[in-house]
C-alpha atoms as a PDB file:
ATOM      1  CA  MET A   1      -4.902  14.979  17.923  1.00  0.00           C
ATOM      2  CA  SER A   2      -3.178  18.005  19.458  1.00  0.00           C
ATOM      3  CA  ALA A   3      -1.975  20.988  17.335  1.00  0.00           C
ATOM      4  CA  LYS A   4       1.584  19.859  17.525  1.00  0.00           C
ATOM      5  CA  SER A   5       1.127  16.111  17.109  1.00  0.00           C
ATOM      6  CA  ASN A   6       2.849  14.330  14.189  1.00  0.00           C
ATOM      7  CA  TYR A   7       0.376  12.680  11.808  1.00  0.00           C
ATOM      8  CA  HIS A   8       2.661   9.542  11.289  1.00  0.00           C
ATOM      9  CA  ASP A   9       3.077   9.108  15.072  1.00  0.00           C
ATOM     10  CA  GLU A  10      -0.690   9.325  15.690  1.00  0.00           C
ATOM     11  CA  LEU A  11      -1.362   6.970  13.008  1.00  0.00           C
ATOM     12  CA  ASN A  12       1.277   4.501  14.543  1.00  0.00           C
ATOM     13  CA  LYS A  13      -0.347   4.705  17.762  1.00  0.00           C
ATOM     14  CA  LYS A  14      -3.770   3.702  16.381  1.00  0.00           C
ATOM     15  CA  ASN A  15      -2.083   0.788  14.634  1.00  0.00           C
ATOM     16  CA  VAL A  16      -0.326  -0.313  17.696  1.00  0.00           C
ATOM     17  CA  THR A  17      -3.668  -0.295  19.633  1.00  0.00           C
ATOM     18  CA  LYS A  18      -5.260  -2.237  16.715  1.00  0.00           C
ATOM     19  CA  LEU A  19      -2.501  -4.850  16.782  1.00  0.00           C
ATOM     20  CA  ARG A  20      -3.039  -5.209  20.673  1.00  0.00           C
ATOM     21  CA  GLU A  21      -6.724  -5.852  19.957  1.00  0.00           C
ATOM     22  CA  LEU A  22      -5.965  -8.516  17.262  1.00  0.00           C
ATOM     23  CA  LEU A  23      -3.380 -10.106  19.609  1.00  0.00           C
ATOM     24  CA  ASP A  24      -6.302 -10.655  22.187  1.00  0.00           C
ATOM     25  CA  THR A  25      -8.099 -12.769  19.775  1.00  0.00           C
ATOM     26  CA  LEU A  26      -4.938 -15.032  19.067  1.00  0.00           C
ATOM     27  CA  PRO A  27      -3.442 -17.725  21.162  1.00  0.00           C
ATOM     28  CA  SER A  28      -1.473 -16.143  24.004  1.00  0.00           C
ATOM     29  CA  PHE A  29       1.846 -17.316  22.907  1.00  0.00           C
ATOM     30  CA  CYS A  30       1.667 -15.447  19.714  1.00  0.00           C
ATOM     31  CA  LYS A  31       2.626 -12.254  21.620  1.00  0.00           C
ATOM     32  CA  MET A  32       6.018 -13.563  21.947  1.00  0.00           C
ATOM     33  CA  TYR A  33       6.346 -13.752  18.122  1.00  0.00           C
ATOM     34  CA  PHE A  34       5.360 -10.128  17.677  1.00  0.00           C
ATOM     35  CA  ARG A  35       7.575  -8.868  20.592  1.00  0.00           C
ATOM     36  CA  GLY A  36      10.559 -10.736  18.650  1.00  0.00           C
ATOM     37  CA  MET A  37       9.799  -8.848  15.399  1.00  0.00           C
ATOM     38  CA  ASN A  38      12.295  -6.279  14.090  1.00  0.00           C
ATOM     39  CA  ASP A  39      11.442  -2.767  15.303  1.00  0.00           C
ATOM     40  CA  THR A  40      11.786  -1.550  11.618  1.00  0.00           C
ATOM     41  CA  ILE A  41       8.757  -3.606  10.587  1.00  0.00           C
ATOM     42  CA  ALA A  42       5.921  -1.085  10.254  1.00  0.00           C
ATOM     43  CA  SER A  43       3.005  -1.492  12.596  1.00  0.00           C
ATOM     44  CA  ARG A  44       0.724  -1.721   9.596  1.00  0.00           C
ATOM     45  CA  THR A  45       2.653  -4.660   8.404  1.00  0.00           C
ATOM     46  CA  LYS A  46       2.468  -6.307  11.707  1.00  0.00           C
ATOM     47  CA  ILE A  47      -1.377  -5.963  11.761  1.00  0.00           C
ATOM     48  CA  ALA A  48      -1.429  -7.703   8.382  1.00  0.00           C
ATOM     49  CA  TYR A  49       0.635 -10.591   9.849  1.00  0.00           C
ATOM     50  CA  ALA A  50      -1.848 -10.805  12.822  1.00  0.00           C
ATOM     51  CA  TYR A  51      -4.876 -10.925  10.392  1.00  0.00           C
ATOM     52  CA  ASP A  52      -3.197 -13.774   8.512  1.00  0.00           C
ATOM     53  CA  LEU A  53      -2.432 -15.649  11.574  1.00  0.00           C
ATOM     54  CA  ARG A  54      -5.946 -15.319  12.880  1.00  0.00           C
ATOM     55  CA  VAL A  55      -7.221 -16.936   9.583  1.00  0.00           C
ATOM     56  CA  PHE A  56      -4.896 -19.860  10.123  1.00  0.00           C
ATOM     57  CA  PHE A  57      -5.767 -20.563  13.637  1.00  0.00           C
ATOM     58  CA  GLU A  58      -9.536 -20.043  12.860  1.00  0.00           C
ATOM     59  CA  PHE A  59      -9.049 -22.628  10.171  1.00  0.00           C
ATOM     60  CA  LEU A  60      -7.287 -25.056  12.715  1.00  0.00           C
ATOM     61  CA  HIS A  61     -10.107 -24.489  15.205  1.00  0.00           C
ATOM     62  CA  LYS A  62     -12.780 -25.436  12.664  1.00  0.00           C
ATOM     63  CA  ASN A  63     -10.967 -28.391  11.257  1.00  0.00           C
ATOM     64  CA  ASN A  64      -8.855 -30.052  13.886  1.00  0.00           C
ATOM     65  CA  SER A  65     -10.756 -31.936  16.525  1.00  0.00           C
ATOM     66  CA  TYR A  66      -7.743 -31.712  18.966  1.00  0.00           C
ATOM     67  CA  ILE A  67      -7.571 -27.949  18.687  1.00  0.00           C
ATOM     68  CA  ALA A  68     -11.234 -27.534  18.784  1.00  0.00           C
ATOM     69  CA  LYS A  69     -11.187 -28.482  22.372  1.00  0.00           C
ATOM     70  CA  PHE A  70      -9.518 -25.302  23.356  1.00  0.00           C
ATOM     71  CA  ASP A  71     -10.600 -21.557  23.494  1.00  0.00           C
ATOM     72  CA  MET A  72      -8.753 -19.666  20.798  1.00  0.00           C
ATOM     73  CA  LYS A  73      -6.675 -17.738  23.441  1.00  0.00           C
ATOM     74  CA  ASP A  74      -5.774 -21.003  25.364  1.00  0.00           C
ATOM     75  CA  ILE A  75      -4.439 -22.952  22.463  1.00  0.00           C
ATOM     76  CA  PRO A  76      -1.034 -24.147  23.514  1.00  0.00           C
ATOM     77  CA  MET A  77       2.334 -23.552  21.568  1.00  0.00           C
ATOM     78  CA  SER A  78       2.749 -27.437  21.634  1.00  0.00           C
ATOM     79  CA  MET A  79      -0.137 -27.423  19.192  1.00  0.00           C
ATOM     80  CA  LEU A  80       2.316 -26.158  16.367  1.00  0.00           C
ATOM     81  CA  ASP A  81       4.134 -29.559  16.498  1.00  0.00           C
ATOM     82  CA  LYS A  82       0.732 -31.352  15.848  1.00  0.00           C
ATOM     83  CA  VAL A  83       0.357 -29.637  12.481  1.00  0.00           C
ATOM     84  CA  SER A  84       1.480 -31.513   9.480  1.00  0.00           C
ATOM     85  CA  ARG A  85       2.563 -30.564   5.937  1.00  0.00           C
ATOM     86  CA  GLU A  86      -0.840 -31.849   4.702  1.00  0.00           C
ATOM     87  CA  ASP A  87      -2.574 -29.623   7.193  1.00  0.00           C
ATOM     88  CA  ILE A  88      -0.607 -26.601   5.686  1.00  0.00           C
ATOM     89  CA  GLU A  89      -1.676 -27.867   2.128  1.00  0.00           C
ATOM     90  CA  GLU A  90      -5.364 -28.096   3.273  1.00  0.00           C
ATOM     91  CA  TYR A  91      -5.077 -24.589   4.683  1.00  0.00           C
ATOM     92  CA  LEU A  92      -4.092 -23.278   1.337  1.00  0.00           C
ATOM     93  CA  GLU A  93      -6.883 -25.022  -0.370  1.00  0.00           C
ATOM     94  CA  TYR A  94      -9.358 -23.570   2.264  1.00  0.00           C
ATOM     95  CA  LEU A  95      -8.038 -20.064   1.446  1.00  0.00           C
ATOM     96  CA  SER A  96      -9.370 -20.166  -2.070  1.00  0.00           C
ATOM     97  CA  PHE A  97     -12.802 -19.567  -0.572  1.00  0.00           C
ATOM     98  CA  TYR A  98     -14.043 -19.455   3.048  1.00  0.00           C
ATOM     99  CA  LYS A  99     -16.531 -17.298   5.312  1.00  0.00           C
ATOM    100  CA  ASN A 100     -14.900 -14.895   7.795  1.00  0.00           C
ATOM    101  CA  THR A 101     -16.162 -14.465  11.376  1.00  0.00           C
ATOM    102  CA  ASP A 102     -18.883 -11.962  10.100  1.00  0.00           C
ATOM    103  CA  ASP A 103     -20.083 -14.693   7.718  1.00  0.00           C
ATOM    104  CA  GLU A 104     -18.746 -12.779   4.657  1.00  0.00           C
ATOM    105  CA  ASP A 105     -17.444 -14.620   1.614  1.00  0.00           C
ATOM    106  CA  VAL A 106     -13.401 -14.275   1.246  1.00  0.00           C
ATOM    107  CA  LEU A 107     -11.619 -15.224  -1.790  1.00  0.00           C
ATOM    108  CA  ASN A 108      -7.843 -15.570  -2.296  1.00  0.00           C
ATOM    109  CA  ASP A 109      -6.019 -15.556  -5.454  1.00  0.00           C
ATOM    110  CA  GLU A 110      -2.376 -16.894  -5.844  1.00  0.00           C
ATOM    111  CA  ARG A 111      -1.006 -13.607  -4.438  1.00  0.00           C
ATOM    112  CA  GLY A 112      -3.265 -13.793  -1.443  1.00  0.00           C
ATOM    113  CA  LYS A 113      -2.181 -17.435  -0.673  1.00  0.00           C
ATOM    114  CA  SER A 114       1.392 -16.590  -1.215  1.00  0.00           C
ATOM    115  CA  ARG A 115       1.225 -13.781   1.357  1.00  0.00           C
ATOM    116  CA  LYS A 116      -0.506 -15.916   3.993  1.00  0.00           C
ATOM    117  CA  LEU A 117       1.976 -18.763   3.600  1.00  0.00           C
ATOM    118  CA  ALA A 118       4.840 -16.248   3.932  1.00  0.00           C
ATOM    119  CA  SER A 119       3.330 -15.016   7.068  1.00  0.00           C
ATOM    120  CA  LEU A 120       2.917 -18.545   8.331  1.00  0.00           C
ATOM    121  CA  ARG A 121       6.505 -19.353   7.373  1.00  0.00           C
ATOM    122  CA  SER A 122       7.783 -16.431   9.271  1.00  0.00           C
ATOM    123  CA  PHE A 123       5.740 -17.413  12.347  1.00  0.00           C
ATOM    124  CA  TYR A 124       7.014 -20.940  12.481  1.00  0.00           C
ATOM    125  CA  ASN A 125      10.471 -20.032  11.723  1.00  0.00           C
ATOM    126  CA  TYR A 126      10.603 -17.775  14.911  1.00  0.00           C
ATOM    127  CA  TYR A 127       9.553 -20.587  17.150  1.00  0.00           C
ATOM    128  CA  PHE A 128      11.728 -23.174  15.295  1.00  0.00           C
ATOM    129  CA  LYS A 129      14.939 -21.142  15.323  1.00  0.00           C
ATOM    130  CA  ASN A 130      14.427 -20.611  18.971  1.00  0.00           C
ATOM    131  CA  GLU A 131      14.047 -24.243  19.559  1.00  0.00           C
ATOM    132  CA  LEU A 132      10.639 -23.831  21.067  1.00  0.00           C
ATOM    133  CA  ILE A 133       9.109 -26.364  18.590  1.00  0.00           C
ATOM    134  CA  GLU A 134      10.593 -29.328  16.838  1.00  0.00           C
ATOM    135  CA  THR A 135       8.805 -29.295  13.339  1.00  0.00           C
ATOM    136  CA  ASN A 136       8.460 -26.675  10.668  1.00  0.00           C
ATOM    137  CA  PRO A 137       5.753 -27.813   8.179  1.00  0.00           C
ATOM    138  CA  PRO A 138       5.293 -24.562   6.335  1.00  0.00           C
ATOM    139  CA  ALA A 139       8.935 -24.753   5.264  1.00  0.00           C
ATOM    140  CA  LEU A 140       7.996 -27.896   3.389  1.00  0.00           C
ATOM    141  CA  VAL A 141       5.315 -26.433   1.217  1.00  0.00           C
ATOM    142  CA  PRO A 142       6.325 -24.672  -1.851  1.00  0.00           C
ATOM    143  CA  MET A 143       5.064 -21.184  -2.382  1.00  0.00           C
ATOM    144  CA  PRO A 144       2.190 -20.711  -4.824  1.00  0.00           C
ATOM    145  CA  LYS A 145       3.698 -19.979  -8.344  1.00  0.00           C
ATOM    146  CA  LEU A 146       2.826 -16.360  -9.264  1.00  0.00           C
ATOM    147  CA  HIS A 147       2.003 -15.201 -12.677  1.00  0.00           C
ATOM    148  CA  GLU A 148       3.421 -12.022 -13.843  1.00  0.00           C
ATOM    149  CA  LYS A 149       1.299  -9.125 -13.054  1.00  0.00           C
ATOM    150  CA  GLU A 150       1.013  -6.391 -15.793  1.00  0.00           C
ATOM    151  CA  ILE A 151       1.942  -2.918 -14.477  1.00  0.00           C
ATOM    152  CA  ILE A 152      -1.289  -0.725 -14.775  1.00  0.00           C
ATOM    153  CA  ARG A 153      -0.388   2.816 -15.521  1.00  0.00           C
ATOM    154  CA  LEU A 154      -1.507   5.824 -17.461  1.00  0.00           C
ATOM    155  CA  GLU A 155      -0.033   6.767 -20.855  1.00  0.00           C
ATOM    156  CA  PRO A 156       1.405  10.154 -21.343  1.00  0.00           C
ATOM    157  CA  ASP A 157      -1.651  11.308 -23.173  1.00  0.00           C
ATOM    158  CA  GLU A 158      -4.041   9.852 -20.561  1.00  0.00           C
ATOM    159  CA  VAL A 159      -2.100  11.856 -17.892  1.00  0.00           C
ATOM    160  CA  ALA A 160      -2.598  14.994 -19.785  1.00  0.00           C
ATOM    161  CA  THR A 161      -6.290  14.215 -20.487  1.00  0.00           C
ATOM    162  CA  LEU A 162      -6.928  13.416 -16.853  1.00  0.00           C
ATOM    163  CA  LEU A 163      -5.564  16.805 -15.519  1.00  0.00           C
ATOM    164  CA  ASP A 164      -7.545  18.507 -18.154  1.00  0.00           C
ATOM    165  CA  MET A 165     -10.683  16.810 -17.032  1.00  0.00           C
ATOM    166  CA  VAL A 166      -9.996  17.564 -13.421  1.00  0.00           C
ATOM    167  CA  GLU A 167      -9.499  21.201 -14.221  1.00  0.00           C
ATOM    168  CA  ALA A 168     -12.714  21.494 -16.272  1.00  0.00           C
ATOM    169  CA  GLY A 169     -14.860  18.987 -14.255  1.00  0.00           C
ATOM    170  CA  THR A 170     -15.554  17.196 -17.348  1.00  0.00           C
ATOM    171  CA  SER A 171     -18.180  14.341 -17.292  1.00  0.00           C
ATOM    172  CA  LEU A 172     -19.077  15.112 -13.630  1.00  0.00           C
ATOM    173  CA  SER A 173     -22.729  14.889 -12.436  1.00  0.00           C
ATOM    174  CA  LYS A 174     -24.419  18.136 -11.281  1.00  0.00           C
ATOM    175  CA  LYS A 175     -23.977  17.146  -7.616  1.00  0.00           C
ATOM    176  CA  GLN A 176     -20.257  16.330  -8.301  1.00  0.00           C
ATOM    177  CA  MET A 177     -19.915  19.569  -9.968  1.00  0.00           C
ATOM    178  CA  ASP A 178     -21.089  21.454  -6.855  1.00  0.00           C
ATOM    179  CA  TYR A 179     -18.329  19.883  -4.879  1.00  0.00           C
ATOM    180  CA  HIS A 180     -15.783  20.222  -7.745  1.00  0.00           C
ATOM    181  CA  GLN A 181     -16.104  24.041  -7.508  1.00  0.00           C
ATOM    182  CA  LYS A 182     -14.937  23.916  -4.013  1.00  0.00           C
ATOM    183  CA  THR A 183     -12.258  21.307  -4.263  1.00  0.00           C
ATOM    184  CA  VAL A 184     -10.800  21.727  -7.751  1.00  0.00           C
ATOM    185  CA  ILE A 185      -7.569  23.563  -6.746  1.00  0.00           C
ATOM    186  CA  ARG A 186      -7.133  21.056  -4.018  1.00  0.00           C
ATOM    187  CA  ASP A 187      -7.637  18.118  -6.290  1.00  0.00           C
ATOM    188  CA  MET A 188      -5.405  19.403  -8.824  1.00  0.00           C
ATOM    189  CA  ALA A 189      -2.669  19.855  -6.375  1.00  0.00           C
ATOM    190  CA  ILE A 190      -3.063  16.207  -4.969  1.00  0.00           C
ATOM    191  CA  LEU A 191      -3.244  14.489  -8.316  1.00  0.00           C
ATOM    192  CA  THR A 192      -0.227  16.593  -9.729  1.00  0.00           C
ATOM    193  CA  LEU A 193       1.887  15.745  -6.743  1.00  0.00           C
ATOM    194  CA  LEU A 194       1.194  12.168  -7.043  1.00  0.00           C
ATOM    195  CA  LEU A 195       1.777  12.118 -10.686  1.00  0.00           C
ATOM    196  CA  GLY A 196       4.801  14.336 -10.552  1.00  0.00           C
ATOM    197  CA  THR A 197       6.712  12.803  -7.556  1.00  0.00           C
ATOM    198  CA  GLY A 198       5.494   9.270  -7.153  1.00  0.00           C
ATOM    199  CA  ILE A 199       4.949   9.570  -3.419  1.00  0.00           C
ATOM    200  CA  ARG A 200       2.538   7.226  -1.727  1.00  0.00           C
ATOM    201  CA  VAL A 201      -0.814   8.485  -0.864  1.00  0.00           C
ATOM    202  CA  SER A 202      -0.082   8.008   2.795  1.00  0.00           C
ATOM    203  CA  GLU A 203       3.024  10.169   2.367  1.00  0.00           C
ATOM    204  CA  CYS A 204       0.740  12.788   0.686  1.00  0.00           C
ATOM    205  CA  VAL A 205      -2.029  12.945   3.292  1.00  0.00           C
ATOM    206  CA  GLY A 206       0.615  13.138   6.030  1.00  0.00           C
ATOM    207  CA  LEU A 207       2.234  16.359   4.609  1.00  0.00           C
ATOM    208  CA  ASP A 208       2.401  19.262   6.893  1.00  0.00           C
ATOM    209  CA  ILE A 209       2.715  22.953   5.587  1.00  0.00           C
ATOM    210  CA  ASN A 210       6.303  23.041   6.931  1.00  0.00           C
ATOM    211  CA  ASP A 211       7.268  20.035   5.139  1.00  0.00           C
ATOM    212  CA  ILE A 212       7.158  21.772   1.797  1.00  0.00           C
ATOM    213  CA  ASP A 213      10.251  23.831   0.913  1.00  0.00           C
ATOM    214  CA  PHE A 214       9.334  26.028  -2.168  1.00  0.00           C
ATOM    215  CA  ALA A 215      12.789  27.726  -2.154  1.00  0.00           C
ATOM    216  CA  ASN A 216      14.391  24.500  -2.956  1.00  0.00           C
ATOM    217  CA  SER A 217      11.464  22.729  -4.614  1.00  0.00           C
ATOM    218  CA  ARG A 218      11.426  19.774  -2.232  1.00  0.00           C
ATOM    219  CA  LEU A 219       9.275  18.354   0.541  1.00  0.00           C
ATOM    220  CA  LYS A 220       9.877  16.081   3.405  1.00  0.00           C
ATOM    221  CA  VAL A 221       8.000  12.749   3.566  1.00  0.00           C
ATOM    222  CA  ARG A 222       7.676   9.956   6.047  1.00  0.00           C
ATOM    223  CA  ARG A 223       8.445   6.671   4.304  1.00  0.00           C
ATOM    224  CA  LYS A 224       7.345   3.141   4.981  1.00  0.00           C
ATOM    225  CA  GLY A 225       9.363   1.968   7.928  1.00  0.00           C
ATOM    226  CA  GLY A 226       9.225   5.405   9.679  1.00  0.00           C
ATOM    227  CA  TYR A 227      12.227   7.064   8.133  1.00  0.00           C
ATOM    228  CA  GLU A 228      12.224  10.593   6.609  1.00  0.00           C
ATOM    229  CA  ASP A 229      13.137  11.284   3.106  1.00  0.00           C
ATOM    230  CA  VAL A 230      13.457  14.317   0.814  1.00  0.00           C
ATOM    231  CA  VAL A 231      11.572  14.418  -2.534  1.00  0.00           C
ATOM    232  CA  TYR A 232      12.129  17.046  -5.121  1.00  0.00           C
ATOM    233  CA  PHE A 233       9.243  18.418  -7.387  1.00  0.00           C
ATOM    234  CA  GLY A 234       9.155  20.306 -10.909  1.00  0.00           C
ATOM    235  CA  GLU A 235       7.519  23.541 -11.783  1.00  0.00           C
ATOM    236  CA  GLU A 236       4.194  21.840 -12.673  1.00  0.00           C
ATOM    237  CA  VAL A 237       3.850  20.527  -9.273  1.00  0.00           C
ATOM    238  CA  GLU A 238       5.215  23.795  -7.701  1.00  0.00           C
ATOM    239  CA  LYS A 239       2.456  25.781  -9.441  1.00  0.00           C
ATOM    240  CA  THR A 240      -0.449  23.636  -8.211  1.00  0.00           C
ATOM    241  CA  LEU A 241       0.776  23.500  -4.722  1.00  0.00           C
ATOM    242  CA  LEU A 242       1.235  27.407  -4.616  1.00  0.00           C
ATOM    243  CA  ALA A 243      -2.124  27.805  -5.816  1.00  0.00           C
ATOM    244  CA  TYR A 244      -3.680  25.586  -3.117  1.00  0.00           C
ATOM    245  CA  LEU A 245      -1.642  27.138  -0.342  1.00  0.00           C
ATOM    246  CA  GLU A 246      -3.211  30.559  -1.299  1.00  0.00           C
ATOM    247  CA  GLU A 247      -6.616  28.913  -0.876  1.00  0.00           C
ATOM    248  CA  ARG A 248      -5.357  26.950   2.211  1.00  0.00           C
ATOM    249  CA  LYS A 249      -4.409  30.239   3.945  1.00  0.00           C
ATOM    250  CA  LEU A 250      -8.125  31.345   3.948  1.00  0.00           C
ATOM    251  CA  ILE A 251      -9.288  28.152   5.662  1.00  0.00           C
ATOM    252  CA  ILE A 252      -9.599  27.794   9.396  1.00  0.00           C
ATOM    253  CA  PRO A 253      -8.921  24.137  10.234  1.00  0.00           C
ATOM    254  CA  VAL A 254     -10.482  22.212  13.022  1.00  0.00           C
ATOM    255  CA  ASP A 255      -8.437  22.064  16.185  1.00  0.00           C
ATOM    256  CA  GLY A 256      -5.510  19.553  15.964  1.00  0.00           C
ATOM    257  CA  HIS A 257      -5.309  19.799  12.089  1.00  0.00           C
ATOM    258  CA  GLU A 258      -3.687  23.381  11.874  1.00  0.00           C
ATOM    259  CA  ASP A 259      -0.320  21.877  10.475  1.00  0.00           C
ATOM    260  CA  ALA A 260      -1.941  19.711   7.893  1.00  0.00           C
ATOM    261  CA  PHE A 261      -1.474  20.863   4.360  1.00  0.00           C
ATOM    262  CA  PHE A 262      -4.324  19.094   2.553  1.00  0.00           C
ATOM    263  CA  LEU A 263      -7.615  19.564   4.128  1.00  0.00           C
ATOM    264  CA  SER A 264     -11.011  17.824   3.663  1.00  0.00           C
ATOM    265  CA  MET A 265     -14.232  19.534   3.302  1.00  0.00           C
ATOM    266  CA  GLN A 266     -14.592  19.242   6.911  1.00  0.00           C
ATOM    267  CA  GLN A 267     -11.395  21.315   7.512  1.00  0.00           C
ATOM    268  CA  LYS A 268      -9.652  18.262   8.822  1.00  0.00           C
ATOM    269  CA  ARG A 269      -6.580  16.607   7.493  1.00  0.00           C
ATOM    270  CA  ILE A 270      -7.445  14.614   4.433  1.00  0.00           C
ATOM    271  CA  GLY A 271      -7.578  10.879   4.725  1.00  0.00           C
ATOM    272  CA  VAL A 272      -6.264   8.043   2.441  1.00  0.00           C
ATOM    273  CA  ARG A 273      -9.752   7.021   1.765  1.00  0.00           C
ATOM    274  CA  THR A 274     -10.750  10.465   0.574  1.00  0.00           C
ATOM    275  CA  VAL A 275      -7.853  10.631  -1.870  1.00  0.00           C
ATOM    276  CA  GLU A 276      -8.773   7.175  -3.264  1.00  0.00           C
ATOM    277  CA  ILE A 277     -12.388   8.211  -3.763  1.00  0.00           C
ATOM    278  CA  LEU A 278     -11.373  11.517  -5.598  1.00  0.00           C
ATOM    279  CA  VAL A 279      -8.884   9.506  -7.877  1.00  0.00           C
ATOM    280  CA  LYS A 280     -11.410   7.027  -8.746  1.00  0.00           C
ATOM    281  CA  LYS A 281     -14.145   9.770  -9.598  1.00  0.00           C
ATOM    282  CA  TYR A 282     -11.860  11.419 -12.039  1.00  0.00           C
ATOM    283  CA  ALA A 283     -10.160   8.386 -13.531  1.00  0.00           C
ATOM    284  CA  SER A 284     -13.532   6.481 -14.067  1.00  0.00           C
ATOM    285  CA  ASN A 285     -14.327   9.224 -16.721  1.00  0.00           C
ATOM    286  CA  LEU A 286     -10.989   8.742 -18.350  1.00  0.00           C
ATOM    287  CA  THR A 287     -10.786   4.902 -18.961  1.00  0.00           C
ATOM    288  CA  SER A 288     -13.131   1.979 -18.211  1.00  0.00           C
ATOM    289  CA  VAL A 289     -10.400  -0.557 -18.915  1.00  0.00           C
ATOM    290  CA  LYS A 290      -7.922   0.422 -16.382  1.00  0.00           C
ATOM    291  CA  LYS A 291      -8.663   0.498 -12.577  1.00  0.00           C
ATOM    292  CA  ILE A 292      -6.761   3.614 -11.489  1.00  0.00           C
ATOM    293  CA  THR A 293      -5.849   4.133  -7.900  1.00  0.00           C
ATOM    294  CA  PRO A 294      -3.413   6.384  -6.215  1.00  0.00           C
ATOM    295  CA  HIS A 295      -0.762   3.683  -6.171  1.00  0.00           C
ATOM    296  CA  LYS A 296      -1.244   3.280  -9.991  1.00  0.00           C
ATOM    297  CA  LEU A 297      -0.396   7.031 -10.321  1.00  0.00           C
ATOM    298  CA  ARG A 298       2.752   6.149  -8.489  1.00  0.00           C
ATOM    299  CA  SER A 299       3.351   3.296 -10.928  1.00  0.00           C
ATOM    300  CA  THR A 300       2.828   5.795 -13.658  1.00  0.00           C
ATOM    301  CA  PHE A 301       5.585   8.178 -12.356  1.00  0.00           C
ATOM    302  CA  GLY A 302       8.009   5.170 -11.783  1.00  0.00           C
ATOM    303  CA  THR A 303       7.236   3.844 -15.399  1.00  0.00           C
ATOM    304  CA  ASN A 304       7.894   7.346 -16.905  1.00  0.00           C
ATOM    305  CA  LEU A 305      11.097   7.944 -14.891  1.00  0.00           C
ATOM    306  CA  TYR A 306      12.509   4.465 -15.816  1.00  0.00           C
ATOM    307  CA  GLN A 307      11.690   5.006 -19.520  1.00  0.00           C
ATOM    308  CA  GLU A 308      13.478   8.278 -19.471  1.00  0.00           C
ATOM    309  CA  THR A 309      16.609   7.460 -17.592  1.00  0.00           C
ATOM    310  CA  GLY A 310      16.924   3.511 -17.887  1.00  0.00           C
ATOM    311  CA  ASP A 311      18.441   3.862 -14.229  1.00  0.00           C
ATOM    312  CA  ILE A 312      16.699   1.311 -11.985  1.00  0.00           C
ATOM    313  CA  TYR A 313      18.726   2.454  -8.914  1.00  0.00           C
ATOM    314  CA  LEU A 314      17.517   6.077  -9.492  1.00  0.00           C
ATOM    315  CA  VAL A 315      13.905   4.896  -9.679  1.00  0.00           C
ATOM    316  CA  ALA A 316      14.446   2.892  -6.483  1.00  0.00           C
ATOM    317  CA  ASP A 317      15.742   5.871  -4.714  1.00  0.00           C
ATOM    318  CA  VAL A 318      13.213   8.297  -5.816  1.00  0.00           C
ATOM    319  CA  LEU A 319      10.302   5.877  -5.035  1.00  0.00           C
ATOM    320  CA  GLY A 320      11.816   5.211  -1.568  1.00  0.00           C
ATOM    321  CA  HIS A 321      12.334   1.428  -2.187  1.00  0.00           C
ATOM    322  CA  LYS A 322      14.874   0.105   0.498  1.00  0.00           C
ATOM    323  CA  ASP A 323      15.623  -2.881  -1.846  1.00  0.00           C
ATOM    324  CA  VAL A 324      16.281  -2.206  -5.574  1.00  0.00           C
ATOM    325  CA  ASN A 325      15.010  -5.694  -6.207  1.00  0.00           C
ATOM    326  CA  THR A 326      11.559  -4.466  -5.365  1.00  0.00           C
ATOM    327  CA  THR A 327      11.997  -1.784  -8.129  1.00  0.00           C
ATOM    328  CA  ARG A 328      13.481  -4.200 -10.635  1.00  0.00           C
ATOM    329  CA  LYS A 329      10.543  -6.757 -10.107  1.00  0.00           C
ATOM    330  CA  HIS A 330       8.184  -4.058 -11.227  1.00  0.00           C
ATOM    331  CA  TYR A 331       9.907  -2.170 -13.809  1.00  0.00           C
ATOM    332  CA  ALA A 332      12.808  -3.983 -15.310  1.00  0.00           C
ATOM    333  CA  ALA A 333      10.578  -6.113 -17.494  1.00  0.00           C
ATOM    334  CA  MET A 334      10.062  -3.005 -19.526  1.00  0.00           C
ATOM    335  CA  LYS A 335      13.661  -3.167 -20.711  1.00  0.00           C
ATOM    336  CA  ASP A 336      13.069  -6.587 -21.999  1.00  0.00           C
ATOM    337  CA  GLU A 337      10.018  -5.416 -23.809  1.00  0.00           C
ATOM    338  CA  HIS A 338      12.015  -2.803 -25.545  1.00  0.00           C
ATOM    339  CA  LYS A 339      14.675  -5.473 -26.588  1.00  0.00           C
ATOM    340  CA  ARG A 340      12.052  -7.701 -27.989  1.00  0.00           C
ATOM    341  CA  LYS A 341      10.699  -4.709 -30.042  1.00  0.00           C
ATOM    342  CA  ALA A 342      14.277  -4.062 -31.365  1.00  0.00           C
ATOM    343  CA  ALA A 343      14.669  -7.787 -32.425  1.00  0.00           C
ATOM    344  CA  LYS A 344      11.306  -7.439 -34.538  1.00  0.00           C
ATOM    345  CA  ALA A 345      12.332  -4.158 -35.922  1.00  0.00           C
ATOM    346  CA  VAL A 346      15.210  -5.420 -38.049  1.00  0.00           C
ATOM    347  CA  ARG A 347      14.426  -7.124 -41.199  1.00  0.00           C
ATOM    348  CA  LEU A 348      17.046  -9.242 -43.107  1.00  0.00           C
ATOM    349  CA  ARG A 349      14.997 -10.094 -46.161  1.00  0.00           C
ATOM    350  CA  GLU A 350      11.610  -8.889 -47.434  1.00  0.00           C
ATOM    351  CA  ASP A 351       9.060 -11.587 -47.886  1.00  0.00           C
END
């Protein structure tokens, strides 16, 4: 990566390369579908679609005697018309448990099945609407019913305790403490930034030094979909970022990583996986009941903001959700919870 290269553009190049590799494992006519995709769909999302379709074609290849005659890449588009509604239903049942190409066990819950059926519907819809096939069996199969998923987040006292533990290195092993002494200022800046702004972990690791405007307490991030957005931060976030910046000035980065704000121990731009590991390291000592990830820190911020303002549109805007329904799905249920508490709080007669 050159000194002036953009992290997000480099990541997108890697994703495009990965997508091309995946397409080479699919029937050749699938490339038409991906070329027809909207340009605003993120490359990472396209990769997810490709993985889902590969699972589908592997299922057909194993279970359909007609399709088994072909090599995977040579399966013809006309095969899509030979798939029935019953085949799709059997596919959903297959997804409950199967072995992948590496002979690893794979399990899918209702959400995994729902996503894969949604991918298949999109795939079939493309060819059906373009009059390239005559049938659309995935459209006949109802989406799996999804149960409400509880929002996992940290309570205000847990947030304060977590940051205190990070500062002090509480409950860390001797080996972890050796690393902690070298990374505590950086780790505090990362956790405070995630908790104080709700940005995604990918947006956090993608920050360049010039993306942070301390004069106006704001930073520039690249959102999902590739568009740029401005996020404002408060005094607590500013204090930890400035503390890390002073330390950052003394570090000589590896060539190609000079612009990166957060650096790893190897003096390279910190990666998503590294942030996930450090969050797990600290949060595991805070609670064994909740599985805390960087995304849960984002949920914590979104929950706190909604509780303080009651404005779902504001929460959607700050979190960078393009569709407010996405935000409402995750946070609006809290309003109903408050209403239920209010109904129980009023007593008309004593027992």
